[in-house]
């Protein structure tokens, strides 16, 4: 897609991405600065053409401002195919050295018509319950 998507492109390649983070107390060890989090992602194809998720890119930032990048093929070993109206849901996780952090990223998608585009994943907070007011 071009930098400025046309109305037709927006309709054809419309995705909704929701993320639900959770703290994993049983897998965390605060005394060792280890805070484990899961996140469940739901991808909904609201467009008019089928799409496949090719690659992912995550930027994970802890409370000290340390950022690491994670890139890879697909998600959890899959490159899901979503027909118009389909949802795909998966869960994964990450570990931080601080009780608060954030993630943001993008998915590289390919439409069945051959067009490739990046779907942005808005920033979301990872936080131990009770840490943020």
N, C-alpha and C. Protein backbone atom coordinates (compact mmCIF):
# COMPACT_ATOMS: atom_id res chain seq x y z
N UNK A 1 0.84 -1.18 0.00
CA UNK A 1 0.00 0.00 0.00
C UNK A 1 0.88 1.23 0.00
N UNK A 2 0.32 2.28 -0.49
CA UNK A 2 1.06 3.55 -0.52
C UNK A 2 1.06 4.17 0.86
N UNK A 3 1.86 5.22 1.03
CA UNK A 3 1.94 5.92 2.31
C UNK A 3 0.56 6.39 2.75
N UNK A 4 -0.18 7.01 1.83
CA UNK A 4 -1.52 7.49 2.14
C UNK A 4 -2.50 6.53 1.49
N UNK A 5 -3.13 5.71 2.28
CA UNK A 5 -4.05 4.71 1.78
C UNK A 5 -5.32 5.38 1.24
N UNK A 6 -5.80 4.84 0.14
CA UNK A 6 -7.06 5.33 -0.42
C UNK A 6 -8.21 4.74 0.38
N UNK A 7 -9.41 5.28 0.20
CA UNK A 7 -10.60 4.76 0.90
C UNK A 7 -10.82 3.30 0.51
N UNK A 8 -10.58 2.96 -0.74
CA UNK A 8 -10.74 1.57 -1.20
C UNK A 8 -9.74 0.65 -0.50
N UNK A 9 -8.49 1.10 -0.37
CA UNK A 9 -7.48 0.29 0.32
C UNK A 9 -7.84 0.10 1.79
N UNK A 10 -8.34 1.17 2.43
CA UNK A 10 -8.73 1.07 3.84
C UNK A 10 -9.84 0.05 4.02
N UNK A 11 -10.76 0.00 3.08
CA UNK A 11 -11.86 -0.97 3.16
C UNK A 11 -11.36 -2.38 2.88
N UNK A 12 -10.47 -2.52 1.92
CA UNK A 12 -9.97 -3.85 1.54
C UNK A 12 -9.09 -4.45 2.63
N UNK A 13 -8.23 -3.63 3.24
CA UNK A 13 -7.22 -4.12 4.19
C UNK A 13 -7.48 -3.56 5.58
N UNK A 14 -8.62 -3.88 6.15
CA UNK A 14 -9.01 -3.35 7.46
C UNK A 14 -8.84 -4.43 8.53
N UNK A 15 -7.95 -4.16 9.49
CA UNK A 15 -7.71 -5.09 10.60
C UNK A 15 -8.02 -4.41 11.91
N UNK A 16 -8.46 -5.20 12.87
CA UNK A 16 -8.61 -4.74 14.24
C UNK A 16 -7.73 -5.64 15.09
N UNK A 17 -6.87 -5.05 15.92
CA UNK A 17 -5.96 -5.82 16.76
C UNK A 17 -6.18 -5.40 18.21
N UNK A 18 -6.54 -6.38 19.05
CA UNK A 18 -6.75 -6.13 20.47
C UNK A 18 -5.74 -6.95 21.26
N UNK A 19 -5.19 -6.37 22.33
CA UNK A 19 -4.22 -7.07 23.16
C UNK A 19 -4.68 -7.02 24.62
N UNK A 20 -4.64 -8.18 25.27
CA UNK A 20 -5.00 -8.29 26.68
C UNK A 20 -3.78 -8.81 27.45
N UNK A 21 -3.06 -7.92 28.16
CA UNK A 21 -1.89 -8.37 28.93
C UNK A 21 -2.30 -8.88 30.31
N UNK A 22 -1.45 -9.72 30.88
CA UNK A 22 -1.68 -10.23 32.24
C UNK A 22 -0.34 -10.51 32.91
N UNK A 23 -0.28 -10.27 34.21
CA UNK A 23 0.91 -10.56 35.01
C UNK A 23 0.89 -12.02 35.41
N UNK A 24 2.04 -12.69 35.31
CA UNK A 24 2.16 -14.11 35.67
C UNK A 24 2.93 -14.23 36.98
N UNK A 25 2.21 -14.15 38.07
CA UNK A 25 2.81 -14.18 39.40
C UNK A 25 3.64 -15.44 39.62
N UNK A 26 3.11 -16.60 39.23
CA UNK A 26 3.78 -17.87 39.48
C UNK A 26 5.10 -18.02 38.72
N UNK A 27 5.25 -17.27 37.62
CA UNK A 27 6.48 -17.35 36.81
C UNK A 27 7.43 -16.18 37.09
N UNK A 28 7.05 -15.33 38.02
CA UNK A 28 7.86 -14.15 38.33
C UNK A 28 8.65 -14.36 39.61
N UNK A 29 9.75 -13.60 39.73
CA UNK A 29 10.58 -13.62 40.93
C UNK A 29 11.06 -12.19 41.18
N UNK A 30 10.24 -11.37 41.85
CA UNK A 30 10.60 -9.97 42.05
C UNK A 30 11.95 -9.76 42.72
N UNK A 31 12.35 -10.65 43.62
CA UNK A 31 13.65 -10.50 44.28
C UNK A 31 14.81 -10.63 43.30
N UNK A 32 14.57 -11.31 42.20
CA UNK A 32 15.59 -11.47 41.15
C UNK A 32 15.32 -10.53 39.97
N UNK A 33 14.44 -9.54 40.17
CA UNK A 33 14.06 -8.60 39.08
C UNK A 33 13.57 -9.35 37.85
N UNK A 34 12.70 -10.32 38.06
CA UNK A 34 12.10 -11.09 36.97
C UNK A 34 10.58 -10.97 37.08
N UNK A 35 9.98 -10.30 36.09
CA UNK A 35 8.55 -10.07 36.06
C UNK A 35 8.01 -10.64 34.74
N UNK A 36 7.22 -11.70 34.85
CA UNK A 36 6.71 -12.39 33.66
C UNK A 36 5.29 -11.91 33.34
N UNK A 37 5.06 -11.74 32.06
CA UNK A 37 3.76 -11.28 31.57
C UNK A 37 3.33 -12.13 30.39
N UNK A 38 2.03 -12.35 30.28
CA UNK A 38 1.48 -12.95 29.07
C UNK A 38 0.69 -11.85 28.36
N UNK A 39 0.43 -12.08 27.10
CA UNK A 39 -0.46 -11.19 26.35
C UNK A 39 -1.21 -12.05 25.34
N UNK A 40 -2.50 -11.79 25.25
CA UNK A 40 -3.35 -12.49 24.30
C UNK A 40 -3.77 -11.49 23.24
N UNK A 41 -3.51 -11.85 21.99
CA UNK A 41 -3.79 -10.96 20.86
C UNK A 41 -4.94 -11.54 20.05
N UNK A 42 -5.90 -10.69 19.72
CA UNK A 42 -6.97 -11.06 18.81
C UNK A 42 -6.85 -10.18 17.56
N UNK A 43 -6.73 -10.82 16.41
CA UNK A 43 -6.65 -10.12 15.13
C UNK A 43 -7.95 -10.40 14.39
N UNK A 44 -8.63 -9.36 13.96
CA UNK A 44 -9.90 -9.49 13.28
C UNK A 44 -9.78 -8.86 11.89
N UNK A 45 -10.09 -9.65 10.87
CA UNK A 45 -10.04 -9.14 9.50
C UNK A 45 -11.39 -8.51 9.17
N UNK A 46 -11.45 -7.19 9.24
CA UNK A 46 -12.66 -6.45 8.90
C UNK A 46 -12.66 -6.01 7.44
N UNK A 47 -11.63 -6.42 6.69
CA UNK A 47 -11.52 -6.04 5.29
C UNK A 47 -12.32 -6.92 4.36
N UNK A 48 -12.14 -6.69 3.08
CA UNK A 48 -12.89 -7.42 2.06
C UNK A 48 -12.05 -8.46 1.33
N UNK A 49 -10.76 -8.57 1.68
CA UNK A 49 -9.90 -9.59 1.08
C UNK A 49 -9.22 -10.40 2.19
N UNK A 50 -8.91 -11.65 1.89
CA UNK A 50 -8.21 -12.50 2.85
C UNK A 50 -6.77 -12.02 3.00
N UNK A 51 -6.21 -12.28 4.19
CA UNK A 51 -4.85 -11.85 4.48
C UNK A 51 -4.10 -12.95 5.22
N UNK A 52 -2.78 -12.88 5.15
CA UNK A 52 -1.92 -13.80 5.90
C UNK A 52 -0.91 -12.97 6.68
N UNK A 53 -0.69 -13.36 7.93
CA UNK A 53 0.31 -12.71 8.77
C UNK A 53 1.66 -13.33 8.44
N UNK A 54 2.58 -12.53 7.92
CA UNK A 54 3.89 -13.03 7.51
C UNK A 54 4.94 -12.95 8.62
N UNK A 55 5.05 -11.76 9.22
CA UNK A 55 6.11 -11.51 10.20
C UNK A 55 5.59 -10.62 11.33
N UNK A 56 6.33 -10.65 12.44
CA UNK A 56 6.00 -9.79 13.57
C UNK A 56 7.23 -8.97 13.96
N UNK A 57 6.96 -7.84 14.58
CA UNK A 57 8.01 -6.99 15.14
C UNK A 57 7.46 -6.40 16.42
N UNK A 58 8.15 -6.64 17.53
CA UNK A 58 7.77 -6.09 18.82
C UNK A 58 8.89 -5.22 19.36
N UNK A 59 8.54 -4.13 19.99
CA UNK A 59 9.46 -3.29 20.76
C UNK A 59 8.99 -3.38 22.21
N UNK A 60 9.85 -3.89 23.07
CA UNK A 60 9.52 -4.12 24.47
C UNK A 60 10.39 -3.19 25.31
N UNK A 61 9.76 -2.34 26.13
CA UNK A 61 10.48 -1.34 26.90
C UNK A 61 10.18 -1.53 28.38
N UNK A 62 11.24 -1.54 29.21
CA UNK A 62 11.02 -1.65 30.66
C UNK A 62 10.98 -0.25 31.27
N UNK A 63 10.74 -0.19 32.58
CA UNK A 63 10.59 1.10 33.27
C UNK A 63 11.88 1.91 33.32
N UNK A 64 13.02 1.25 33.09
CA UNK A 64 14.31 1.96 33.06
C UNK A 64 14.62 2.52 31.68
N UNK A 65 13.72 2.32 30.72
CA UNK A 65 13.92 2.82 29.37
C UNK A 65 14.71 1.88 28.48
N UNK A 66 15.05 0.70 28.97
CA UNK A 66 15.75 -0.29 28.13
C UNK A 66 14.75 -0.88 27.14
N UNK A 67 15.14 -0.89 25.88
CA UNK A 67 14.25 -1.38 24.83
C UNK A 67 14.91 -2.53 24.09
N UNK A 68 14.13 -3.57 23.83
CA UNK A 68 14.63 -4.65 22.99
C UNK A 68 13.62 -4.92 21.89
N UNK A 69 14.15 -5.37 20.79
CA UNK A 69 13.33 -5.64 19.61
C UNK A 69 13.27 -7.14 19.38
N UNK A 70 12.08 -7.62 19.06
CA UNK A 70 11.88 -9.02 18.72
C UNK A 70 11.25 -9.06 17.34
N UNK A 71 11.89 -9.78 16.43
CA UNK A 71 11.38 -9.97 15.07
C UNK A 71 11.30 -11.45 14.78
N UNK A 72 10.38 -11.83 13.94
CA UNK A 72 10.31 -13.23 13.56
C UNK A 72 9.23 -13.51 12.55
N UNK A 73 9.29 -14.71 12.02
CA UNK A 73 8.28 -15.17 11.08
C UNK A 73 7.00 -15.50 11.85
N UNK A 74 5.87 -15.04 11.36
CA UNK A 74 4.58 -15.39 11.94
C UNK A 74 4.48 -15.11 13.42
N UNK A 75 3.58 -15.83 14.07
CA UNK A 75 3.38 -15.75 15.52
C UNK A 75 3.21 -17.16 16.04
N UNK A 76 3.81 -17.47 17.15
CA UNK A 76 3.79 -18.79 17.80
C UNK A 76 3.94 -19.93 16.78
N UNK A 77 4.85 -19.73 15.83
CA UNK A 77 5.14 -20.77 14.85
C UNK A 77 4.13 -20.89 13.72
N UNK A 78 3.22 -19.95 13.61
CA UNK A 78 2.19 -20.00 12.57
C UNK A 78 2.18 -18.71 11.76
N UNK A 79 1.70 -18.83 10.53
CA UNK A 79 1.43 -17.68 9.69
C UNK A 79 -0.06 -17.73 9.34
N UNK A 80 -0.89 -17.27 10.28
CA UNK A 80 -2.33 -17.45 10.12
C UNK A 80 -2.92 -16.76 8.90
N UNK A 81 -3.91 -17.42 8.32
CA UNK A 81 -4.67 -16.93 7.17
C UNK A 81 -6.04 -16.53 7.69
N UNK A 82 -6.44 -15.31 7.40
CA UNK A 82 -7.74 -14.82 7.85
C UNK A 82 -8.58 -14.38 6.66
N UNK A 83 -9.66 -15.09 6.43
CA UNK A 83 -10.63 -14.68 5.41
C UNK A 83 -11.38 -13.46 5.95
N UNK A 84 -12.06 -12.70 5.10
CA UNK A 84 -12.85 -11.58 5.59
C UNK A 84 -13.81 -12.05 6.69
N UNK A 85 -13.82 -11.32 7.80
CA UNK A 85 -14.69 -11.66 8.92
C UNK A 85 -14.08 -12.62 9.93
N UNK A 86 -12.94 -13.22 9.61
CA UNK A 86 -12.30 -14.18 10.53
C UNK A 86 -11.55 -13.47 11.65
N UNK A 87 -11.44 -14.19 12.78
CA UNK A 87 -10.62 -13.78 13.92
C UNK A 87 -9.52 -14.81 14.09
N UNK A 88 -8.38 -14.36 14.63
CA UNK A 88 -7.30 -15.27 15.02
C UNK A 88 -6.83 -14.79 16.38
N UNK A 89 -6.72 -15.74 17.31
CA UNK A 89 -6.34 -15.39 18.68
C UNK A 89 -5.19 -16.28 19.11
N UNK A 90 -4.19 -15.66 19.75
CA UNK A 90 -3.06 -16.42 20.27
C UNK A 90 -2.53 -15.75 21.53
N UNK A 91 -1.78 -16.52 22.31
CA UNK A 91 -1.16 -16.00 23.52
C UNK A 91 0.33 -16.25 23.48
N UNK A 92 1.07 -15.31 24.03
CA UNK A 92 2.51 -15.41 24.13
C UNK A 92 2.94 -14.70 25.41
N UNK A 93 4.23 -14.48 25.59
CA UNK A 93 4.67 -13.82 26.80
C UNK A 93 6.03 -13.19 26.68
N UNK A 94 6.40 -12.45 27.72
CA UNK A 94 7.69 -11.80 27.79
C UNK A 94 8.07 -11.61 29.26
N UNK A 95 9.33 -11.38 29.50
CA UNK A 95 9.84 -11.16 30.85
C UNK A 95 10.54 -9.80 30.88
N UNK A 96 10.25 -9.02 31.93
CA UNK A 96 10.89 -7.72 32.13
C UNK A 96 11.75 -7.77 33.39
N UNK A 97 12.68 -6.82 33.49
CA UNK A 97 13.50 -6.65 34.69
C UNK A 97 12.89 -5.65 35.66
N UNK A 98 11.78 -5.04 35.27
CA UNK A 98 11.10 -4.05 36.10
C UNK A 98 9.62 -4.44 36.19
N UNK A 99 8.91 -3.97 37.24
CA UNK A 99 7.50 -4.36 37.39
C UNK A 99 6.54 -3.67 36.43
N UNK A 100 7.05 -2.72 35.67
CA UNK A 100 6.22 -2.00 34.70
C UNK A 100 6.99 -1.89 33.39
N UNK A 101 6.29 -1.98 32.30
CA UNK A 101 6.88 -1.80 30.98
C UNK A 101 5.80 -1.61 29.95
N UNK A 102 6.21 -1.66 28.69
CA UNK A 102 5.25 -1.48 27.60
C UNK A 102 5.72 -2.25 26.37
N UNK A 103 4.77 -2.58 25.54
CA UNK A 103 5.07 -3.21 24.25
C UNK A 103 4.29 -2.49 23.16
N UNK A 104 4.87 -2.48 21.98
CA UNK A 104 4.19 -1.99 20.78
C UNK A 104 4.84 -2.70 19.61
N UNK A 105 4.20 -2.66 18.47
CA UNK A 105 4.82 -3.36 17.35
C UNK A 105 4.00 -3.29 16.08
N UNK A 106 4.25 -4.29 15.22
CA UNK A 106 3.52 -4.37 13.95
C UNK A 106 3.58 -5.78 13.41
N UNK A 107 2.62 -6.09 12.56
CA UNK A 107 2.59 -7.34 11.81
C UNK A 107 2.73 -6.99 10.34
N UNK A 108 3.56 -7.74 9.63
CA UNK A 108 3.64 -7.60 8.17
C UNK A 108 2.61 -8.55 7.60
N UNK A 109 1.67 -8.01 6.87
CA UNK A 109 0.55 -8.78 6.32
C UNK A 109 0.66 -8.86 4.80
N UNK A 110 0.12 -9.93 4.24
CA UNK A 110 0.02 -10.04 2.79
C UNK A 110 -1.42 -10.40 2.45
N UNK A 111 -2.01 -9.57 1.60
CA UNK A 111 -3.38 -9.81 1.15
C UNK A 111 -3.36 -10.83 0.01
N UNK A 112 -4.49 -11.50 -0.19
CA UNK A 112 -4.55 -12.51 -1.24
C UNK A 112 -4.35 -11.92 -2.64
N UNK A 113 -4.51 -10.60 -2.76
CA UNK A 113 -4.26 -9.96 -4.06
C UNK A 113 -2.78 -9.61 -4.24
N UNK A 114 -1.93 -10.00 -3.25
CA UNK A 114 -0.49 -9.78 -3.36
C UNK A 114 0.03 -8.55 -2.65
N UNK A 115 -0.86 -7.63 -2.29
CA UNK A 115 -0.43 -6.41 -1.59
C UNK A 115 0.11 -6.77 -0.21
N UNK A 116 1.20 -6.11 0.20
CA UNK A 116 1.74 -6.27 1.54
C UNK A 116 1.62 -4.95 2.27
N UNK A 117 1.36 -5.04 3.58
CA UNK A 117 1.23 -3.83 4.39
C UNK A 117 1.55 -4.17 5.83
N UNK A 118 1.88 -3.14 6.61
CA UNK A 118 2.16 -3.29 8.03
C UNK A 118 0.91 -2.89 8.83
N UNK A 119 0.53 -3.76 9.75
CA UNK A 119 -0.57 -3.48 10.66
C UNK A 119 0.03 -3.09 12.00
N UNK A 120 -0.24 -1.89 12.44
CA UNK A 120 0.33 -1.36 13.68
C UNK A 120 -0.36 -1.93 14.91
N UNK A 121 0.45 -2.29 15.90
CA UNK A 121 -0.07 -2.72 17.19
C UNK A 121 0.22 -1.60 18.17
N UNK A 122 -0.83 -0.95 18.64
CA UNK A 122 -0.66 0.18 19.55
C UNK A 122 0.02 -0.26 20.84
N UNK A 123 0.70 0.68 21.47
CA UNK A 123 1.39 0.40 22.74
C UNK A 123 0.38 -0.04 23.80
N UNK A 124 0.81 -1.01 24.61
CA UNK A 124 0.02 -1.44 25.76
C UNK A 124 0.95 -1.61 26.94
N UNK A 125 0.40 -1.47 28.14
CA UNK A 125 1.18 -1.49 29.37
C UNK A 125 1.24 -2.89 29.96
N UNK A 126 2.42 -3.24 30.44
CA UNK A 126 2.64 -4.45 31.23
C UNK A 126 2.93 -3.97 32.64
N UNK A 127 2.14 -4.40 33.62
CA UNK A 127 2.34 -3.90 34.98
C UNK A 127 1.90 -4.93 36.01
N UNK A 128 2.70 -5.06 37.05
CA UNK A 128 2.33 -5.88 38.19
C UNK A 128 1.10 -5.21 38.82
N UNK A 129 0.05 -5.97 39.14
CA UNK A 129 -1.13 -5.37 39.76
C UNK A 129 -0.77 -4.55 41.00
N UNK A 130 -1.37 -3.36 41.11
CA UNK A 130 -1.11 -2.48 42.25
C UNK A 130 0.08 -1.57 42.08
N UNK A 131 0.83 -1.74 40.96
CA UNK A 131 2.01 -0.91 40.74
C UNK A 131 1.63 0.47 40.22
N UNK A 132 0.66 0.52 39.34
CA UNK A 132 0.22 1.79 38.77
C UNK A 132 -1.07 2.23 39.46
N UNK A 133 -1.25 3.53 39.59
CA UNK A 133 -2.44 4.05 40.29
C UNK A 133 -3.52 4.36 39.29
